[in-house]
Amino acid sequence: MRDYGNDHVQALRERFSVFQGGKAGNELGCCIGKAWAAGLLEGHGADAQALRDAGRDYARLWYEYYGLSQVRTSRFERHSKGFASAAVTPDQRRFLKLDGIVSARPSAHRDAFYALCVDYFDSDALPPFVDRLINERLMLKGLKVPGCLPIKGDAERLEKAAVTLLAIVEGDRVRKAA
């Protein structure tokens, strides 16, 4: 018997089934996956899946680099017990390169990028601007939406995040071509 997930997972998959030919169910575990599923990453100068994957890769590397998922076992510890050695790993080098690309963007671009890719990574929650833009896409598909529709600045904020994603994708292409 196939497990389709709990009621929450099934409701989430049902909500997004109107996008990507109903095949986006496995991409809904993070904010950027939901944005991709709704088509919000289309038309930004690179393949939408490449933008999605670049954002996910950056978020994964960000959490590994900063170690926010590691739990301290004592309030007197400066670092978690899982603190890595001083040797720089290939993933850390890759993160530092990508982070240099992100850090070079204007602060409004970085803020939008972090909201789309990092702040809501591995979360069912969405930043309000993304939630409103997805609601608009759902409404255009003829569905009732439970929340608000976009307000002034939402599309522009998404564009700023997408420009940063594009810089990562293009920077990564340059590295692979060299």
Foldseek 3Di string as FASTA:
>chain_A
DDDQDDPVLVVVLVLLCVFPVSPLSVQQQWLLSLCVRLVVLPPLPDPSVLLSVLLQLLQVLVCVVVVPVADAPDPPDPDRPPDDDPDQDPSNVLNVVLVVLLVVAPPLLNVLQCQRRHPGHRHNDHDVLSLQPSCVSSVVVVDHDPDHHHDPPSSVSSSSNSVSSVSSSVVVVVVVVD
